[in-house]
Amino acid sequence: MSYFKQHVFICCNQRDNGDPCCNAHGATTIFDYAKGRVAELNLNQPGMVRINKAGCLGRCLEGPVMVIYPEAVWYQFVDKDDVNEIIESHLVNGIPVDRLRI
């Protein structure tokens, strides 16, 4: 059994050579927002949801990206509204957001 019901990894990789990376699209800011929002909703309790920074997840051209386990659902997001939709629909209600899936 998994320690967390859902584990969210948000790519915050930064490349300084000009190659595509999620952090160039504000991923760290979104990570901070998502972590705070999950805490506001009290989803960050033991056995519930964990939000983690990740290094490169290998989908640089689709960035910024996140993946939620154990479902292995990959998302591309643009802004806080997208992340709110993912949190409310997927993490709270168990319904993946098809329009943001990759």
PDB file of N, CA and C in Angstrom:
ATOM      1  N   MET A   1       0.839  -1.176   0.000  1.00  0.00           N
ATOM      2  CA  MET A   1       0.000   0.000   0.000  1.00  0.00           C
ATOM      3  C   MET A   1       0.890   1.247   0.000  1.00  0.00           C
ATOM      4  N   SER A   2       0.511   2.226  -0.765  1.00  0.00           N
ATOM      5  CA  SER A   2       1.256   3.475  -0.875  1.00  0.00           C
ATOM      6  C   SER A   2       1.117   4.296   0.401  1.00  0.00           C
ATOM      7  N   TYR A   3       2.160   5.031   0.738  1.00  0.00           N
ATOM      8  CA  TYR A   3       2.118   5.901   1.910  1.00  0.00           C
ATOM      9  C   TYR A   3       1.130   7.047   1.716  1.00  0.00           C
ATOM     10  N   PHE A   4       1.040   7.547   0.472  1.00  0.00           N
ATOM     11  CA  PHE A   4       0.101   8.606   0.148  1.00  0.00           C
ATOM     12  C   PHE A   4      -0.973   8.056  -0.781  1.00  0.00           C
ATOM     13  N   LYS A   5      -2.180   8.559  -0.631  1.00  0.00           N
ATOM     14  CA  LYS A   5      -3.248   8.179  -1.563  1.00  0.00           C
ATOM     15  C   LYS A   5      -2.886   8.650  -2.964  1.00  0.00           C
ATOM     16  N   GLN A   6      -2.377   9.886  -3.059  1.00  0.00           N
ATOM     17  CA  GLN A   6      -1.947  10.440  -4.339  1.00  0.00           C
ATOM     18  C   GLN A   6      -0.648  11.202  -4.129  1.00  0.00           C
ATOM     19  N   HIS A   7       0.241  11.022  -5.074  1.00  0.00           N
ATOM     20  CA  HIS A   7       1.550  11.669  -5.023  1.00  0.00           C
ATOM     21  C   HIS A   7       1.705  12.463  -6.317  1.00  0.00           C
ATOM     22  N   VAL A   8       1.852  13.785  -6.176  1.00  0.00           N
ATOM     23  CA  VAL A   8       1.928  14.691  -7.321  1.00  0.00           C
ATOM     24  C   VAL A   8       3.373  15.160  -7.482  1.00  0.00           C
ATOM     25  N   PHE A   9       3.924  14.950  -8.666  1.00  0.00           N
ATOM     26  CA  PHE A   9       5.264  15.418  -8.979  1.00  0.00           C
ATOM     27  C   PHE A   9       5.154  16.527 -10.023  1.00  0.00           C
ATOM     28  N   ILE A  10       5.685  17.696  -9.685  1.00  0.00           N
ATOM     29  CA  ILE A  10       5.681  18.833 -10.605  1.00  0.00           C
ATOM     30  C   ILE A  10       7.114  19.083 -11.041  1.00  0.00           C
ATOM     31  N   CYS A  11       7.349  19.006 -12.338  1.00  0.00           N
ATOM     32  CA  CYS A  11       8.694  19.234 -12.852  1.00  0.00           C
ATOM     33  C   CYS A  11       9.071  20.698 -12.660  1.00  0.00           C
ATOM     34  N   CYS A  12      10.194  20.910 -11.983  1.00  0.00           N
ATOM     35  CA  CYS A  12      10.727  22.262 -11.767  1.00  0.00           C
ATOM     36  C   CYS A  12      12.142  22.362 -12.325  1.00  0.00           C
ATOM     37  N   ASN A  13      12.440  21.513 -13.296  1.00  0.00           N
ATOM     38  CA  ASN A  13      13.788  21.479 -13.859  1.00  0.00           C
ATOM     39  C   ASN A  13      14.125  22.801 -14.548  1.00  0.00           C
ATOM     40  N   GLN A  14      15.356  23.248 -14.334  1.00  0.00           N
ATOM     41  CA  GLN A  14      15.855  24.475 -14.957  1.00  0.00           C
ATOM     42  C   GLN A  14      17.080  24.151 -15.798  1.00  0.00           C
ATOM     43  N   ARG A  15      17.034  24.539 -17.066  1.00  0.00           N
ATOM     44  CA  ARG A  15      18.191  24.384 -17.948  1.00  0.00           C
ATOM     45  C   ARG A  15      18.702  25.769 -18.297  1.00  0.00           C
ATOM     46  N   ASP A  16      19.985  25.954 -18.174  1.00  0.00           N
ATOM     47  CA  ASP A  16      20.581  27.264 -18.436  1.00  0.00           C
ATOM     48  C   ASP A  16      21.130  27.405 -19.852  1.00  0.00           C
ATOM     49  N   ASN A  17      21.062  26.324 -20.628  1.00  0.00           N
ATOM     50  CA  ASN A  17      21.637  26.365 -21.978  1.00  0.00           C
ATOM     51  C   ASN A  17      20.622  26.740 -23.053  1.00  0.00           C
ATOM     52  N   GLY A  18      19.424  27.119 -22.655  1.00  0.00           N
ATOM     53  CA  GLY A  18      18.409  27.514 -23.620  1.00  0.00           C
ATOM     54  C   GLY A  18      17.501  26.393 -24.079  1.00  0.00           C
ATOM     55  N   ASP A  19      17.802  25.144 -23.694  1.00  0.00           N
ATOM     56  CA  ASP A  19      16.928  24.033 -24.048  1.00  0.00           C
ATOM     57  C   ASP A  19      15.602  24.169 -23.294  1.00  0.00           C
ATOM     58  N   PRO A  20      14.521  23.610 -23.851  1.00  0.00           N
ATOM     59  CA  PRO A  20      13.224  23.702 -23.188  1.00  0.00           C
ATOM     60  C   PRO A  20      13.268  23.108 -21.778  1.00  0.00           C
ATOM     61  N   CYS A  21      12.579  23.745 -20.865  1.00  0.00           N
ATOM     62  CA  CYS A  21      12.457  23.220 -19.504  1.00  0.00           C
ATOM     63  C   CYS A  21      11.191  23.781 -18.867  1.00  0.00           C
ATOM     64  N   CYS A  22      10.672  23.045 -17.902  1.00  0.00           N
ATOM     65  CA  CYS A  22       9.422  23.444 -17.252  1.00  0.00           C
ATOM     66  C   CYS A  22       9.561  24.725 -16.442  1.00  0.00           C
ATOM     67  N   ASN A  23      10.714  24.907 -15.813  1.00  0.00           N
ATOM     68  CA  ASN A  23      10.857  26.086 -14.963  1.00  0.00           C
ATOM     69  C   ASN A  23      10.851  27.382 -15.766  1.00  0.00           C
ATOM     70  N   ALA A  24      11.199  27.316 -17.035  1.00  0.00           N
ATOM     71  CA  ALA A  24      11.132  28.504 -17.889  1.00  0.00           C
ATOM     72  C   ALA A  24       9.681  28.960 -18.084  1.00  0.00           C
ATOM     73  N   HIS A  25       8.735  28.091 -17.735  1.00  0.00           N
ATOM     74  CA  HIS A  25       7.309  28.399 -17.845  1.00  0.00           C
ATOM     75  C   HIS A  25       6.675  28.655 -16.474  1.00  0.00           C
ATOM     76  N   GLY A  26       7.502  28.935 -15.469  1.00  0.00           N
ATOM     77  CA  GLY A  26       6.978  29.273 -14.150  1.00  0.00           C
ATOM     78  C   GLY A  26       6.599  28.092 -13.276  1.00  0.00           C
ATOM     79  N   ALA A  27       7.199  26.932 -13.519  1.00  0.00           N
ATOM     80  CA  ALA A  27       6.817  25.732 -12.777  1.00  0.00           C
ATOM     81  C   ALA A  27       7.051  25.844 -11.274  1.00  0.00           C
ATOM     82  N   THR A  28       8.118  26.494 -10.850  1.00  0.00           N
ATOM     83  CA  THR A  28       8.379  26.604  -9.415  1.00  0.00           C
ATOM     84  C   THR A  28       7.315  27.455  -8.726  1.00  0.00           C
ATOM     85  N   THR A  29       6.890  28.511  -9.381  1.00  0.00           N
ATOM     86  CA  THR A  29       5.813  29.338  -8.828  1.00  0.00           C
ATOM     87  C   THR A  29       4.529  28.526  -8.704  1.00  0.00           C
ATOM     88  N   ILE A  30       4.235  27.730  -9.721  1.00  0.00           N
ATOM     89  CA  ILE A  30       3.041  26.884  -9.693  1.00  0.00           C
ATOM     90  C   ILE A  30       3.175  25.800  -8.628  1.00  0.00           C
ATOM     91  N   PHE A  31       4.376  25.240  -8.463  1.00  0.00           N
ATOM     92  CA  PHE A  31       4.608  24.251  -7.407  1.00  0.00           C
ATOM     93  C   PHE A  31       4.260  24.855  -6.041  1.00  0.00           C
ATOM     94  N   ASP A  32       4.791  26.036  -5.763  1.00  0.00           N
ATOM     95  CA  ASP A  32       4.516  26.698  -4.486  1.00  0.00           C
ATOM     96  C   ASP A  32       3.018  26.930  -4.301  1.00  0.00           C
ATOM     97  N   TYR A  33       2.350  27.347  -5.364  1.00  0.00           N
ATOM     98  CA  TYR A  33       0.916  27.580  -5.309  1.00  0.00           C
ATOM     99  C   TYR A  33       0.161  26.275  -5.017  1.00  0.00           C
ATOM    100  N   ALA A  34       0.495  25.208  -5.759  1.00  0.00           N
ATOM    101  CA  ALA A  34      -0.199  23.925  -5.590  1.00  0.00           C
ATOM    102  C   ALA A  34      -0.006  23.374  -4.181  1.00  0.00           C
ATOM    103  N   LYS A  35       1.199  23.470  -3.678  1.00  0.00           N
ATOM    104  CA  LYS A  35       1.485  22.982  -2.321  1.00  0.00           C
ATOM    105  C   LYS A  35       0.643  23.757  -1.295  1.00  0.00           C
ATOM    106  N   GLY A  36       0.581  25.068  -1.462  1.00  0.00           N
ATOM    107  CA  GLY A  36      -0.224  25.886  -0.563  1.00  0.00           C
ATOM    108  C   GLY A  36      -1.705  25.601  -0.675  1.00  0.00           C
ATOM    109  N   ARG A  37      -2.179  25.428  -1.894  1.00  0.00           N
ATOM    110  CA  ARG A  37      -3.617  25.173  -2.112  1.00  0.00           C
ATOM    111  C   ARG A  37      -4.035  23.837  -1.514  1.00  0.00           C
ATOM    112  N   VAL A  38      -3.207  22.816  -1.687  1.00  0.00           N
ATOM    113  CA  VAL A  38      -3.495  21.500  -1.107  1.00  0.00           C
ATOM    114  C   VAL A  38      -3.521  21.597   0.420  1.00  0.00           C
ATOM    115  N   ALA A  39      -2.634  22.393   0.989  1.00  0.00           N
ATOM    116  CA  ALA A  39      -2.633  22.594   2.440  1.00  0.00           C
ATOM    117  C   ALA A  39      -3.896  23.326   2.890  1.00  0.00           C
ATOM    118  N   GLU A  40      -4.317  24.353   2.145  1.00  0.00           N
ATOM    119  CA  GLU A  40      -5.545  25.085   2.478  1.00  0.00           C
ATOM    120  C   GLU A  40      -6.760  24.163   2.518  1.00  0.00           C
ATOM    121  N   LEU A  41      -6.763  23.181   1.633  1.00  0.00           N
ATOM    122  CA  LEU A  41      -7.874  22.232   1.557  1.00  0.00           C
ATOM    123  C   LEU A  41      -7.712  21.061   2.529  1.00  0.00           C
ATOM    124  N   ASN A  42      -6.634  21.094   3.336  1.00  0.00           N
ATOM    125  CA  ASN A  42      -6.323  20.018   4.291  1.00  0.00           C
ATOM    126  C   ASN A  42      -6.154  18.660   3.630  1.00  0.00           C
ATOM    127  N   LEU A  43      -5.683  18.670   2.399  1.00  0.00           N
ATOM    128  CA  LEU A  43      -5.423  17.420   1.690  1.00  0.00           C
ATOM    129  C   LEU A  43      -4.014  16.900   1.975  1.00  0.00           C
ATOM    130  N   ASN A  44      -3.206  17.689   2.669  1.00  0.00           N
ATOM    131  CA  ASN A  44      -1.819  17.318   2.918  1.00  0.00           C
ATOM    132  C   ASN A  44      -1.650  16.527   4.214  1.00  0.00           C
ATOM    133  N   GLN A  45      -2.686  15.890   4.655  1.00  0.00           N
ATOM    134  CA  GLN A  45      -2.659  15.093   5.878  1.00  0.00           C
ATOM    135  C   GLN A  45      -2.050  13.712   5.601  1.00  0.00           C
ATOM    136  N   PRO A  46      -1.589  13.026   6.652  1.00  0.00           N
ATOM    137  CA  PRO A  46      -1.022  11.682   6.447  1.00  0.00           C
ATOM    138  C   PRO A  46      -1.978  10.779   5.673  1.00  0.00           C
ATOM    139  N   GLY A  47      -1.428  10.097   4.695  1.00  0.00           N
ATOM    140  CA  GLY A  47      -2.216   9.165   3.896  1.00  0.00           C
ATOM    141  C   GLY A  47      -3.030   9.802   2.796  1.00  0.00           C
ATOM    142  N   MET A  48      -2.877  11.117   2.593  1.00  0.00           N
ATOM    143  CA  MET A  48      -3.687  11.782   1.577  1.00  0.00           C
ATOM    144  C   MET A  48      -2.843  12.189   0.371  1.00  0.00           C
ATOM    145  N   VAL A  49      -2.578  13.484   0.207  1.00  0.00           N
ATOM    146  CA  VAL A  49      -1.922  13.994  -0.997  1.00  0.00           C
ATOM    147  C   VAL A  49      -0.563  14.589  -0.643  1.00  0.00           C
ATOM    148  N   ARG A  50       0.426  14.290  -1.446  1.00  0.00           N
ATOM    149  CA  ARG A  50       1.759  14.873  -1.301  1.00  0.00           C
ATOM    150  C   ARG A  50       2.129  15.560  -2.603  1.00  0.00           C
ATOM    151  N   ILE A  51       2.555  16.821  -2.506  1.00  0.00           N
ATOM    152  CA  ILE A  51       3.034  17.585  -3.662  1.00  0.00           C
ATOM    153  C   ILE A  51       4.551  17.651  -3.567  1.00  0.00           C
ATOM    154  N   ASN A  52       5.248  17.197  -4.615  1.00  0.00           N
ATOM    155  CA  ASN A  52       6.708  17.202  -4.628  1.00  0.00           C
ATOM    156  C   ASN A  52       7.259  17.871  -5.872  1.00  0.00           C
ATOM    157  N   LYS A  53       8.386  18.576  -5.690  1.00  0.00           N
ATOM    158  CA  LYS A  53       9.167  19.066  -6.831  1.00  0.00           C
ATOM    159  C   LYS A  53       9.858  17.869  -7.453  1.00  0.00           C
ATOM    160  N   ALA A  54       9.977  17.917  -8.761  1.00  0.00           N
ATOM    161  CA  ALA A  54      10.725  16.877  -9.461  1.00  0.00           C
ATOM    162  C   ALA A  54      11.746  17.538 -10.363  1.00  0.00           C
ATOM    163  N   GLY A  55      12.825  16.830 -10.606  1.00  0.00           N
ATOM    164  CA  GLY A  55      13.746  17.234 -11.648  1.00  0.00           C
ATOM    165  C   GLY A  55      13.096  16.898 -12.974  1.00  0.00           C
ATOM    166  N   CYS A  56      13.880  16.797 -14.001  1.00  0.00           N
ATOM    167  CA  CYS A  56      13.342  16.549 -15.338  1.00  0.00           C
ATOM    168  C   CYS A  56      12.504  15.272 -15.377  1.00  0.00           C
ATOM    169  N   LEU A  57      11.292  15.404 -15.870  1.00  0.00           N
ATOM    170  CA  LEU A  57      10.403  14.257 -16.048  1.00  0.00           C
ATOM    171  C   LEU A  57      10.416  13.758 -17.491  1.00  0.00           C
ATOM    172  N   GLY A  58      11.259  14.368 -18.328  1.00  0.00           N
ATOM    173  CA  GLY A  58      11.447  13.877 -19.686  1.00  0.00           C
ATOM    174  C   GLY A  58      10.393  14.293 -20.695  1.00  0.00           C
ATOM    175  N   ARG A  59       9.573  15.262 -20.361  1.00  0.00           N
ATOM    176  CA  ARG A  59       8.548  15.720 -21.305  1.00  0.00           C
ATOM    177  C   ARG A  59       8.691  17.225 -21.514  1.00  0.00           C
ATOM    178  N   CYS A  60       9.927  17.641 -21.745  1.00  0.00           N
ATOM    179  CA  CYS A  60      10.306  19.058 -21.777  1.00  0.00           C
ATOM    180  C   CYS A  60       9.531  19.877 -22.808  1.00  0.00           C
ATOM    181  N   LEU A  61       9.241  19.298 -23.945  1.00  0.00           N
ATOM    182  CA  LEU A  61       8.543  20.040 -24.994  1.00  0.00           C
ATOM    183  C   LEU A  61       7.063  20.243 -24.685  1.00  0.00           C
ATOM    184  N   GLU A  62       6.561  19.546 -23.674  1.00  0.00           N
ATOM    185  CA  GLU A  62       5.158  19.661 -23.294  1.00  0.00           C
ATOM    186  C   GLU A  62       4.976  20.480 -22.017  1.00  0.00           C
ATOM    187  N   GLY A  63       6.061  21.016 -21.493  1.00  0.00           N
ATOM    188  CA  GLY A  63       6.069  21.670 -20.195  1.00  0.00           C
ATOM    189  C   GLY A  63       5.275  22.951 -20.128  1.00  0.00           C
ATOM    190  N   PRO A  64       4.922  23.320 -18.927  1.00  0.00           N
ATOM    191  CA  PRO A  64       5.210  22.640 -17.675  1.00  0.00           C
ATOM    192  C   PRO A  64       4.294  21.436 -17.469  1.00  0.00           C
ATOM    193  N   VAL A  65       4.833  20.436 -16.783  1.00  0.00           N
ATOM    194  CA  VAL A  65       4.088  19.188 -16.609  1.00  0.00           C
ATOM    195  C   VAL A  65       4.074  18.741 -15.147  1.00  0.00           C
ATOM    196  N   MET A  66       3.082  17.905 -14.865  1.00  0.00           N
ATOM    197  CA  MET A  66       3.009  17.202 -13.580  1.00  0.00           C
ATOM    198  C   MET A  66       2.482  15.807 -13.858  1.00  0.00           C
ATOM    199  N   VAL A  67       2.757  14.902 -12.926  1.00  0.00           N
ATOM    200  CA  VAL A  67       2.216  13.555 -13.010  1.00  0.00           C
ATOM    201  C   VAL A  67       1.683  13.188 -11.627  1.00  0.00           C
ATOM    202  N   ILE A  68       0.531  12.530 -11.619  1.00  0.00           N
ATOM    203  CA  ILE A  68      -0.106  12.120 -10.368  1.00  0.00           C
ATOM    204  C   ILE A  68      -0.121  10.599 -10.304  1.00  0.00           C
ATOM    205  N   TYR A  69       0.458  10.090  -9.220  1.00  0.00           N
ATOM    206  CA  TYR A  69       0.469   8.649  -8.968  1.00  0.00           C
ATOM    207  C   TYR A  69      -0.420   8.353  -7.774  1.00  0.00           C
ATOM    208  N   PRO A  70      -1.058   7.186  -7.706  1.00  0.00           N
ATOM    209  CA  PRO A  70      -0.731   5.983  -8.449  1.00  0.00           C
ATOM    210  C   PRO A  70      -1.409   5.863  -9.812  1.00  0.00           C
ATOM    211  N   GLU A  71      -2.236   6.851 -10.182  1.00  0.00           N
ATOM    212  CA  GLU A  71      -2.967   6.743 -11.435  1.00  0.00           C
ATOM    213  C   GLU A  71      -2.084   6.910 -12.672  1.00  0.00           C
ATOM    214  N   ALA A  72      -0.895   7.507 -12.503  1.00  0.00           N
ATOM    215  CA  ALA A  72       0.024   7.792 -13.610  1.00  0.00           C
ATOM    216  C   ALA A  72      -0.642   8.675 -14.667  1.00  0.00           C
ATOM    217  N   VAL A  73      -1.332   9.703 -14.195  1.00  0.00           N
ATOM    218  CA  VAL A  73      -1.974  10.662 -15.088  1.00  0.00           C
ATOM    219  C   VAL A  73      -1.038  11.862 -15.243  1.00  0.00           C
ATOM    220  N   TRP A  74      -0.699  12.161 -16.491  1.00  0.00           N
ATOM    221  CA  TRP A  74       0.190  13.270 -16.827  1.00  0.00           C
ATOM    222  C   TRP A  74      -0.638  14.470 -17.259  1.00  0.00           C
ATOM    223  N   TYR A  75      -0.209  15.648 -16.775  1.00  0.00           N
ATOM    224  CA  TYR A  75      -0.882  16.892 -17.141  1.00  0.00           C
ATOM    225  C   TYR A  75       0.119  17.920 -17.635  1.00  0.00           C
ATOM    226  N   GLN A  76      -0.359  18.734 -18.570  1.00  0.00           N
ATOM    227  CA  GLN A  76       0.302  19.978 -18.945  1.00  0.00           C
ATOM    228  C   GLN A  76      -0.593  21.083 -18.414  1.00  0.00           C
ATOM    229  N   PHE A  77       0.007  22.071 -17.764  1.00  0.00           N
ATOM    230  CA  PHE A  77      -0.786  23.160 -17.218  1.00  0.00           C
ATOM    231  C   PHE A  77      -0.185  24.481 -17.653  1.00  0.00           C
ATOM    232  N   VAL A  78      -0.991  25.522 -17.612  1.00  0.00           N
ATOM    233  CA  VAL A  78      -0.535  26.844 -18.038  1.00  0.00           C
ATOM    234  C   VAL A  78      -0.467  27.802 -16.860  1.00  0.00           C
ATOM    235  N   ASP A  79      -1.469  27.747 -15.975  1.00  0.00           N
ATOM    236  CA  ASP A  79      -1.546  28.752 -14.921  1.00  0.00           C
ATOM    237  C   ASP A  79      -2.241  28.184 -13.683  1.00  0.00           C
ATOM    238  N   LYS A  80      -2.473  29.051 -12.712  1.00  0.00           N
ATOM    239  CA  LYS A  80      -3.090  28.646 -11.454  1.00  0.00           C
ATOM    240  C   LYS A  80      -4.512  28.129 -11.664  1.00  0.00           C
ATOM    241  N   ASP A  81      -5.215  28.674 -12.647  1.00  0.00           N
ATOM    242  CA  ASP A  81      -6.574  28.187 -12.918  1.00  0.00           C
ATOM    243  C   ASP A  81      -6.549  26.714 -13.322  1.00  0.00           C
ATOM    244  N   ASP A  82      -5.578  26.347 -14.168  1.00  0.00           N
ATOM    245  CA  ASP A  82      -5.443  24.939 -14.564  1.00  0.00           C
ATOM    246  C   ASP A  82      -5.144  24.069 -13.353  1.00  0.00           C
ATOM    247  N   VAL A  83      -4.239  24.532 -12.505  1.00  0.00           N
ATOM    248  CA  VAL A  83      -3.864  23.761 -11.323  1.00  0.00           C
ATOM    249  C   VAL A  83      -5.046  23.644 -10.364  1.00  0.00           C
ATOM    250  N   ASN A  84      -5.810  24.702 -10.197  1.00  0.00           N
ATOM    251  CA  ASN A  84      -7.016  24.624  -9.369  1.00  0.00           C
ATOM    252  C   ASN A  84      -7.981  23.579  -9.904  1.00  0.00           C
ATOM    253  N   GLU A  85      -8.133  23.548 -11.216  1.00  0.00           N
ATOM    254  CA  GLU A  85      -9.033  22.560 -11.819  1.00  0.00           C
ATOM    255  C   GLU A  85      -8.533  21.141 -11.568  1.00  0.00           C
ATOM    256  N   ILE A  86      -7.236  20.925 -11.690  1.00  0.00           N
ATOM    257  CA  ILE A  86      -6.661  19.599 -11.429  1.00  0.00           C
ATOM    258  C   ILE A  86      -6.862  19.211  -9.969  1.00  0.00           C
ATOM    259  N   ILE A  87      -6.616  20.149  -9.066  1.00  0.00           N
ATOM    260  CA  ILE A  87      -6.779  19.853  -7.635  1.00  0.00           C
ATOM    261  C   ILE A  87      -8.230  19.519  -7.323  1.00  0.00           C
ATOM    262  N   GLU A  88      -9.147  20.367  -7.760  1.00  0.00           N
ATOM    263  CA  GLU A  88     -10.561  20.156  -7.443  1.00  0.00           C
ATOM    264  C   GLU A  88     -11.122  18.897  -8.104  1.00  0.00           C
ATOM    265  N   SER A  89     -10.863  18.743  -9.391  1.00  0.00           N
ATOM    266  CA  SER A  89     -11.449  17.632 -10.116  1.00  0.00           C
ATOM    267  C   SER A  89     -10.748  16.311  -9.815  1.00  0.00           C
ATOM    268  N   HIS A  90      -9.426  16.282  -9.957  1.00  0.00           N
ATOM    269  CA  HIS A  90      -8.698  15.016  -9.828  1.00  0.00           C
ATOM    270  C   HIS A  90      -8.416  14.651  -8.370  1.00  0.00           C
ATOM    271  N   LEU A  91      -7.799  15.563  -7.624  1.00  0.00           N
ATOM    272  CA  LEU A  91      -7.395  15.218  -6.266  1.00  0.00           C
ATOM    273  C   LEU A  91      -8.562  15.156  -5.289  1.00  0.00           C
ATOM    274  N   VAL A  92      -9.513  16.068  -5.415  1.00  0.00           N
ATOM    275  CA  VAL A  92     -10.652  16.078  -4.493  1.00  0.00           C
ATOM    276  C   VAL A  92     -11.742  15.100  -4.930  1.00  0.00           C
ATOM    277  N   ASN A  93     -12.094  15.126  -6.221  1.00  0.00           N
ATOM    278  CA  ASN A  93     -13.243  14.337  -6.694  1.00  0.00           C
ATOM    279  C   ASN A  93     -12.892  13.079  -7.474  1.00  0.00           C
ATOM    280  N   GLY A  94     -11.603  12.848  -7.734  1.00  0.00           N
ATOM    281  CA  GLY A  94     -11.192  11.618  -8.414  1.00  0.00           C
ATOM    282  C   GLY A  94     -11.480  11.577  -9.898  1.00  0.00           C
ATOM    283  N   ILE A  95     -11.704  12.741 -10.514  1.00  0.00           N
ATOM    284  CA  ILE A  95     -12.035  12.800 -11.938  1.00  0.00           C
ATOM    285  C   ILE A  95     -10.908  13.508 -12.676  1.00  0.00           C
ATOM    286  N   PRO A  96     -10.135  12.784 -13.486  1.00  0.00           N
ATOM    287  CA  PRO A  96      -9.056  13.425 -14.246  1.00  0.00           C
ATOM    288  C   PRO A  96      -9.609  14.516 -15.161  1.00  0.00           C
ATOM    289  N   VAL A  97      -8.782  15.529 -15.406  1.00  0.00           N
ATOM    290  CA  VAL A  97      -9.154  16.654 -16.252  1.00  0.00           C
ATOM    291  C   VAL A  97      -8.668  16.341 -17.670  1.00  0.00           C
ATOM    292  N   ASP A  98      -9.555  15.844 -18.499  1.00  0.00           N
ATOM    293  CA  ASP A  98      -9.177  15.381 -19.832  1.00  0.00           C
ATOM    294  C   ASP A  98      -8.548  16.464 -20.694  1.00  0.00           C
ATOM    295  N   ARG A  99      -9.007  17.693 -20.602  1.00  0.00           N
ATOM    296  CA  ARG A  99      -8.495  18.743 -21.482  1.00  0.00           C
ATOM    297  C   ARG A  99      -7.029  19.084 -21.190  1.00  0.00           C
ATOM    298  N   LEU A 100      -6.523  18.736 -20.009  1.00  0.00           N
ATOM    299  CA  LEU A 100      -5.139  19.034 -19.638  1.00  0.00           C
ATOM    300  C   LEU A 100      -4.221  17.816 -19.673  1.00  0.00           C
ATOM    301  N   ARG A 101      -4.791  16.653 -19.969  1.00  0.00           N
ATOM    302  CA  ARG A 101      -3.987  15.417 -19.998  1.00  0.00           C
ATOM    303  C   ARG A 101      -3.049  15.383 -21.193  1.00  0.00           C
ATOM    304  N   ILE A 102      -1.887  14.789 -20.970  1.00  0.00           N
ATOM    305  CA  ILE A 102      -0.957  14.545 -22.082  1.00  0.00           C
ATOM    306  C   ILE A 102      -0.620  13.074 -22.121  1.00  0.00           C
TER     307      ILE A 102
END
